Amino acid sequence: MIVLLFVIHVAIALALVGVVLLQKSEGGALGMGGGGMSGFMTGRSTGNLLTRATMVLAAAFFTTSVLLVVLSARSQAPRSLIDQGPPSTQETPVVPAPPVAPAPPAPPAEPSPPLQK
């Protein structure tokens, strides 16, 4: 289910990128055709269609994003301690060993005679 939704999500994202690139920008970068009436669609109807397509694809993109998050969170949700119930086996508590007393320091060594040159 998640894989299918992810494939649809990627397809919507690619379509959204394509529709945004087809729109006419202020610089006229990749926008469709000029202002002539000889084209399939006039400038105004192209703008309306692309704007609506962008809105629909954006809504579908956000919807699939939210659904992917919800489905992935549901499949990886940690279980509550209340839901798990009491543990099946009782373990004996581990008692730490008493601290060991430090060993007394060694007596100082005898000083050595000075070295001669």
N, C-alpha and C. Protein backbone atom coordinates (compact mmCIF):
# COMPACT_ATOMS: atom_id res chain seq x y z
N MET A 1 0.82 -1.19 0.00
CA MET A 1 0.00 0.00 0.00
C MET A 1 0.87 1.26 0.00
N ILE A 2 1.89 1.26 0.85
CA ILE A 2 2.76 2.43 0.94
C ILE A 2 3.56 2.59 -0.35
N VAL A 3 3.99 1.47 -0.93
CA VAL A 3 4.78 1.55 -2.16
C VAL A 3 3.94 2.11 -3.30
N LEU A 4 2.70 1.66 -3.42
CA LEU A 4 1.81 2.18 -4.46
C LEU A 4 1.55 3.67 -4.26
N LEU A 5 1.30 4.07 -3.03
CA LEU A 5 1.07 5.48 -2.75
C LEU A 5 2.31 6.31 -3.03
N PHE A 6 3.48 5.74 -2.76
CA PHE A 6 4.73 6.45 -3.04
C PHE A 6 4.93 6.63 -4.54
N VAL A 7 4.60 5.61 -5.34
CA VAL A 7 4.72 5.73 -6.79
C VAL A 7 3.78 6.82 -7.31
N ILE A 8 2.56 6.84 -6.80
CA ILE A 8 1.60 7.89 -7.19
C ILE A 8 2.11 9.26 -6.78
N HIS A 9 2.70 9.34 -5.61
CA HIS A 9 3.25 10.60 -5.09
C HIS A 9 4.36 11.13 -6.01
N VAL A 10 5.24 10.24 -6.44
CA VAL A 10 6.34 10.66 -7.33
C VAL A 10 5.78 11.10 -8.69
N ALA A 11 4.77 10.38 -9.20
CA ALA A 11 4.17 10.77 -10.47
C ALA A 11 3.51 12.14 -10.37
N ILE A 12 2.84 12.41 -9.26
CA ILE A 12 2.22 13.72 -9.06
C ILE A 12 3.28 14.80 -8.97
N ALA A 13 4.39 14.49 -8.30
CA ALA A 13 5.46 15.48 -8.17
C ALA A 13 6.06 15.81 -9.53
N LEU A 14 6.27 14.80 -10.36
CA LEU A 14 6.81 15.05 -11.70
C LEU A 14 5.83 15.86 -12.55
N ALA A 15 4.56 15.53 -12.46
CA ALA A 15 3.55 16.28 -13.21
C ALA A 15 3.48 17.73 -12.72
N LEU A 16 3.60 17.92 -11.43
CA LEU A 16 3.58 19.28 -10.87
C LEU A 16 4.77 20.09 -11.36
N VAL A 17 5.93 19.47 -11.41
CA VAL A 17 7.11 20.17 -11.93
C VAL A 17 6.89 20.54 -13.39
N GLY A 18 6.35 19.62 -14.17
CA GLY A 18 6.09 19.90 -15.58
C GLY A 18 5.10 21.03 -15.79
N VAL A 19 4.03 21.03 -15.01
CA VAL A 19 3.02 22.07 -15.16
C VAL A 19 3.58 23.43 -14.75
N VAL A 20 4.38 23.46 -13.71
CA VAL A 20 4.96 24.74 -13.28
C VAL A 20 5.94 25.25 -14.34
N LEU A 21 6.70 24.35 -14.96
CA LEU A 21 7.63 24.80 -15.98
C LEU A 21 6.92 25.29 -17.25
N LEU A 22 5.71 24.80 -17.51
CA LEU A 22 4.98 25.25 -18.69
C LEU A 22 4.35 26.63 -18.52
N GLN A 23 4.20 27.06 -17.30
CA GLN A 23 3.56 28.35 -17.07
C GLN A 23 4.48 29.47 -17.53
N LYS A 24 3.88 30.51 -18.01
CA LYS A 24 4.64 31.65 -18.50
C LYS A 24 5.10 32.49 -17.32
N SER A 25 6.39 32.68 -17.24
CA SER A 25 6.93 33.52 -16.17
C SER A 25 7.06 34.95 -16.67
N GLU A 26 7.50 35.84 -15.82
CA GLU A 26 7.64 37.23 -16.23
C GLU A 26 8.74 37.38 -17.26
N GLY A 27 9.74 36.50 -17.19
CA GLY A 27 10.82 36.55 -18.16
C GLY A 27 10.48 35.75 -19.41
N GLY A 28 9.43 34.97 -19.39
CA GLY A 28 9.05 34.17 -20.53
C GLY A 28 9.96 32.98 -20.75
N ALA A 29 10.53 32.42 -19.70
CA ALA A 29 11.55 31.38 -19.80
C ALA A 29 11.07 30.16 -20.57
N LEU A 30 10.25 29.33 -20.01
CA LEU A 30 9.79 28.12 -20.68
C LEU A 30 8.29 28.18 -20.95
N GLY A 31 7.73 29.35 -20.90
CA GLY A 31 6.28 29.48 -21.06
C GLY A 31 5.82 29.06 -22.45
N MET A 32 4.56 28.65 -22.54
CA MET A 32 4.00 28.23 -23.82
C MET A 32 3.76 29.47 -24.68
N GLY A 33 4.04 29.36 -25.94
CA GLY A 33 3.77 30.30 -27.00
C GLY A 33 3.48 31.74 -26.64
N GLY A 34 3.55 32.58 -27.61
CA GLY A 34 3.34 34.00 -27.42
C GLY A 34 1.87 34.37 -27.38
N GLY A 35 1.58 35.58 -27.82
CA GLY A 35 0.22 36.07 -27.72
C GLY A 35 -0.60 35.89 -28.98
N GLY A 36 -0.11 35.16 -29.97
CA GLY A 36 -0.86 34.99 -31.22
C GLY A 36 -2.09 34.12 -31.05
N MET A 37 -3.09 34.32 -31.91
CA MET A 37 -4.31 33.54 -31.84
C MET A 37 -4.20 32.26 -32.67
N SER A 38 -3.05 32.01 -33.27
CA SER A 38 -2.92 30.86 -34.15
C SER A 38 -2.70 29.56 -33.39
N GLY A 39 -2.39 29.62 -32.12
CA GLY A 39 -2.11 28.43 -31.33
C GLY A 39 -3.36 27.66 -30.96
N PHE A 40 -3.14 26.52 -30.35
CA PHE A 40 -4.26 25.67 -29.92
C PHE A 40 -5.10 26.36 -28.86
N MET A 41 -4.42 27.00 -27.91
CA MET A 41 -5.13 27.70 -26.83
C MET A 41 -4.62 29.12 -26.78
N THR A 42 -5.49 30.01 -26.44
CA THR A 42 -5.07 31.40 -26.33
C THR A 42 -4.32 31.60 -25.02
N GLY A 43 -3.69 32.74 -24.87
CA GLY A 43 -2.90 33.02 -23.67
C GLY A 43 -3.72 32.96 -22.40
N ARG A 44 -4.93 33.49 -22.43
CA ARG A 44 -5.77 33.53 -21.23
C ARG A 44 -6.23 32.12 -20.83
N SER A 45 -6.69 31.34 -21.79
CA SER A 45 -7.18 30.00 -21.45
C SER A 45 -6.03 29.08 -21.03
N THR A 46 -4.86 29.27 -21.60
CA THR A 46 -3.69 28.49 -21.17
C THR A 46 -3.35 28.81 -19.72
N GLY A 47 -3.37 30.07 -19.40
CA GLY A 47 -3.08 30.47 -18.02
C GLY A 47 -4.08 29.90 -17.04
N ASN A 48 -5.36 29.95 -17.38
CA ASN A 48 -6.38 29.41 -16.49
C ASN A 48 -6.24 27.90 -16.32
N LEU A 49 -5.99 27.19 -17.42
CA LEU A 49 -5.85 25.75 -17.35
C LEU A 49 -4.63 25.35 -16.52
N LEU A 50 -3.52 26.00 -16.76
CA LEU A 50 -2.30 25.67 -16.02
C LEU A 50 -2.42 26.05 -14.54
N THR A 51 -3.09 27.12 -14.25
CA THR A 51 -3.29 27.52 -12.86
C THR A 51 -4.16 26.49 -12.14
N ARG A 52 -5.22 26.07 -12.78
CA ARG A 52 -6.10 25.06 -12.17
C ARG A 52 -5.37 23.73 -12.02
N ALA A 53 -4.62 23.36 -13.05
CA ALA A 53 -3.87 22.10 -12.98
C ALA A 53 -2.84 22.14 -11.85
N THR A 54 -2.21 23.29 -11.67
CA THR A 54 -1.24 23.45 -10.58
C THR A 54 -1.93 23.31 -9.23
N MET A 55 -3.09 23.92 -9.08
CA MET A 55 -3.81 23.83 -7.81
C MET A 55 -4.23 22.39 -7.51
N VAL A 56 -4.74 21.69 -8.51
CA VAL A 56 -5.19 20.31 -8.31
C VAL A 56 -4.00 19.42 -7.99
N LEU A 57 -2.92 19.55 -8.73
CA LEU A 57 -1.74 18.72 -8.48
C LEU A 57 -1.11 19.04 -7.12
N ALA A 58 -1.11 20.31 -6.73
CA ALA A 58 -0.57 20.68 -5.42
C ALA A 58 -1.41 20.08 -4.30
N ALA A 59 -2.73 20.12 -4.44
CA ALA A 59 -3.60 19.52 -3.43
C ALA A 59 -3.39 18.01 -3.37
N ALA A 60 -3.25 17.36 -4.52
CA ALA A 60 -2.99 15.93 -4.54
C ALA A 60 -1.63 15.61 -3.93
N PHE A 61 -0.64 16.46 -4.18
CA PHE A 61 0.70 16.25 -3.62
C PHE A 61 0.67 16.34 -2.10
N PHE A 62 0.00 17.35 -1.56
CA PHE A 62 -0.09 17.49 -0.11
C PHE A 62 -0.88 16.33 0.50
N THR A 63 -1.93 15.89 -0.17
CA THR A 63 -2.73 14.78 0.35
C THR A 63 -1.91 13.50 0.39
N THR A 64 -1.19 13.21 -0.69
CA THR A 64 -0.38 11.99 -0.68
C THR A 64 0.77 12.10 0.33
N SER A 65 1.29 13.29 0.53
CA SER A 65 2.35 13.48 1.54
C SER A 65 1.83 13.14 2.93
N VAL A 66 0.66 13.67 3.26
CA VAL A 66 0.09 13.41 4.59
C VAL A 66 -0.25 11.92 4.74
N LEU A 67 -0.80 11.32 3.70
CA LEU A 67 -1.14 9.89 3.78
C LEU A 67 0.11 9.03 3.95
N LEU A 68 1.19 9.38 3.27
CA LEU A 68 2.44 8.63 3.44
C LEU A 68 2.97 8.73 4.86
N VAL A 69 2.89 9.92 5.44
CA VAL A 69 3.36 10.08 6.82
C VAL A 69 2.50 9.29 7.79
N VAL A 70 1.20 9.35 7.61
CA VAL A 70 0.29 8.63 8.52
C VAL A 70 0.49 7.12 8.40
N LEU A 71 0.60 6.62 7.19
CA LEU A 71 0.78 5.18 7.01
C LEU A 71 2.13 4.70 7.51
N SER A 72 3.17 5.46 7.31
CA SER A 72 4.48 5.03 7.79
C SER A 72 4.56 5.12 9.32
N ALA A 73 3.91 6.11 9.90
CA ALA A 73 3.92 6.22 11.37
C ALA A 73 3.11 5.09 12.00
N ARG A 74 2.04 4.68 11.33
CA ARG A 74 1.22 3.60 11.87
C ARG A 74 1.96 2.27 11.84
N SER A 75 2.76 2.03 10.80
CA SER A 75 3.46 0.75 10.68
C SER A 75 4.69 0.69 11.57
N GLN A 76 5.23 1.82 11.99
CA GLN A 76 6.43 1.82 12.81
C GLN A 76 6.18 2.36 14.22
N ALA A 77 4.94 2.44 14.62
CA ALA A 77 4.63 3.02 15.92
C ALA A 77 5.12 2.11 17.05
N PRO A 78 5.79 2.69 18.03
CA PRO A 78 6.21 1.87 19.17
C PRO A 78 5.00 1.49 20.01
N ARG A 79 5.03 0.31 20.55
CA ARG A 79 3.92 -0.14 21.36
C ARG A 79 4.02 0.45 22.76
N SER A 80 2.89 0.73 23.32
CA SER A 80 2.84 1.30 24.65
C SER A 80 3.08 0.21 25.69
N LEU A 81 3.62 0.59 26.83
CA LEU A 81 3.82 -0.37 27.90
C LEU A 81 2.49 -0.87 28.44
N ILE A 82 1.48 -0.04 28.38
CA ILE A 82 0.15 -0.45 28.84
C ILE A 82 -0.42 -1.50 27.90
N ASP A 83 -0.20 -1.33 26.59
CA ASP A 83 -0.69 -2.30 25.62
C ASP A 83 0.02 -3.64 25.73
N GLN A 84 1.27 -3.64 26.14
CA GLN A 84 2.05 -4.88 26.21
C GLN A 84 1.64 -5.74 27.40
N GLY A 85 1.16 -5.16 28.45
CA GLY A 85 0.78 -5.94 29.62
C GLY A 85 1.98 -6.23 30.51
N PRO A 86 1.76 -7.03 31.57
CA PRO A 86 2.87 -7.32 32.49
C PRO A 86 3.88 -8.25 31.82
N PRO A 87 5.14 -8.19 32.26
CA PRO A 87 6.15 -9.08 31.69
C PRO A 87 5.83 -10.53 32.02
N SER A 88 6.19 -11.44 31.12
CA SER A 88 5.83 -12.85 31.29
C SER A 88 6.71 -13.54 32.31
N THR A 89 7.95 -13.14 32.48
CA THR A 89 8.85 -13.78 33.45
C THR A 89 9.34 -12.74 34.43
N GLN A 90 9.43 -13.16 35.67
CA GLN A 90 9.95 -12.29 36.72
C GLN A 90 11.43 -12.60 36.91
N GLU A 91 12.26 -11.63 36.75
CA GLU A 91 13.69 -11.82 36.96
C GLU A 91 14.05 -11.36 38.36
N THR A 92 15.04 -12.03 38.95
CA THR A 92 15.49 -11.63 40.28
C THR A 92 16.33 -10.36 40.12
N PRO A 93 16.15 -9.43 41.04
CA PRO A 93 16.91 -8.19 40.92
C PRO A 93 18.40 -8.45 41.14
N VAL A 94 19.21 -7.72 40.43
CA VAL A 94 20.65 -7.85 40.55
C VAL A 94 21.11 -6.91 41.66
N VAL A 95 21.79 -7.50 42.65
CA VAL A 95 22.29 -6.71 43.77
C VAL A 95 23.74 -6.40 43.48
N PRO A 96 24.14 -5.14 43.52
CA PRO A 96 25.55 -4.83 43.23
C PRO A 96 26.45 -5.31 44.36
N ALA A 97 27.67 -5.68 44.00
CA ALA A 97 28.65 -6.14 44.99
C ALA A 97 29.08 -4.96 45.85
N PRO A 98 29.41 -5.24 47.11
CA PRO A 98 29.86 -4.14 47.97
C PRO A 98 31.18 -3.58 47.46
N PRO A 99 31.42 -2.30 47.70
CA PRO A 99 32.67 -1.71 47.19
C PRO A 99 33.89 -2.32 47.87
N VAL A 100 34.95 -2.47 47.11
CA VAL A 100 36.19 -3.03 47.63
C VAL A 100 37.00 -1.89 48.22
N ALA A 101 37.56 -2.15 49.45
CA ALA A 101 38.38 -1.13 50.10
C ALA A 101 39.69 -0.99 49.35
N PRO A 102 40.18 0.24 49.19
CA PRO A 102 41.44 0.40 48.47
C PRO A 102 42.61 -0.17 49.28
N ALA A 103 43.59 -0.67 48.55
CA ALA A 103 44.78 -1.24 49.21
C ALA A 103 45.59 -0.11 49.84
N PRO A 104 46.25 -0.40 50.99
CA PRO A 104 47.06 0.65 51.63
C PRO A 104 48.25 0.99 50.74
N PRO A 105 48.71 2.24 50.79
CA PRO A 105 49.83 2.62 49.92
C PRO A 105 51.11 1.90 50.35
N ALA A 106 51.98 1.66 49.39
CA ALA A 106 53.27 1.00 49.66
C ALA A 106 54.18 1.97 50.40
N PRO A 107 55.06 1.43 51.27
CA PRO A 107 55.98 2.34 52.00
C PRO A 107 56.96 2.97 51.01
N PRO A 108 57.44 4.17 51.32
CA PRO A 108 58.36 4.83 50.40
C PRO A 108 59.68 4.06 50.30
N ALA A 109 60.26 4.09 49.13
CA ALA A 109 61.53 3.39 48.91
C ALA A 109 62.69 4.20 49.47
N GLU A 110 63.81 3.49 49.74
CA GLU A 110 65.02 4.16 50.25
C GLU A 110 65.58 5.06 49.15
N PRO A 111 66.06 6.24 49.53
CA PRO A 111 66.65 7.09 48.50
C PRO A 111 67.95 6.49 47.98
N SER A 112 68.23 6.67 46.73
CA SER A 112 69.46 6.12 46.13
C SER A 112 70.61 7.13 46.32
N PRO A 113 71.85 6.59 46.35
CA PRO A 113 72.99 7.51 46.53
C PRO A 113 73.14 8.40 45.29
N PRO A 114 73.70 9.60 45.44
CA PRO A 114 73.87 10.48 44.30
C PRO A 114 74.82 9.88 43.26
N LEU A 115 74.59 10.20 42.01
CA LEU A 115 75.43 9.69 40.94
C LEU A 115 76.71 10.52 40.86
N GLN A 116 77.81 9.81 40.60
CA GLN A 116 79.10 10.52 40.49
C GLN A 116 79.44 10.67 39.02
N LYS A 117 80.16 11.76 38.72
CA LYS A 117 80.54 12.03 37.34
C LYS A 117 81.91 11.55 37.03
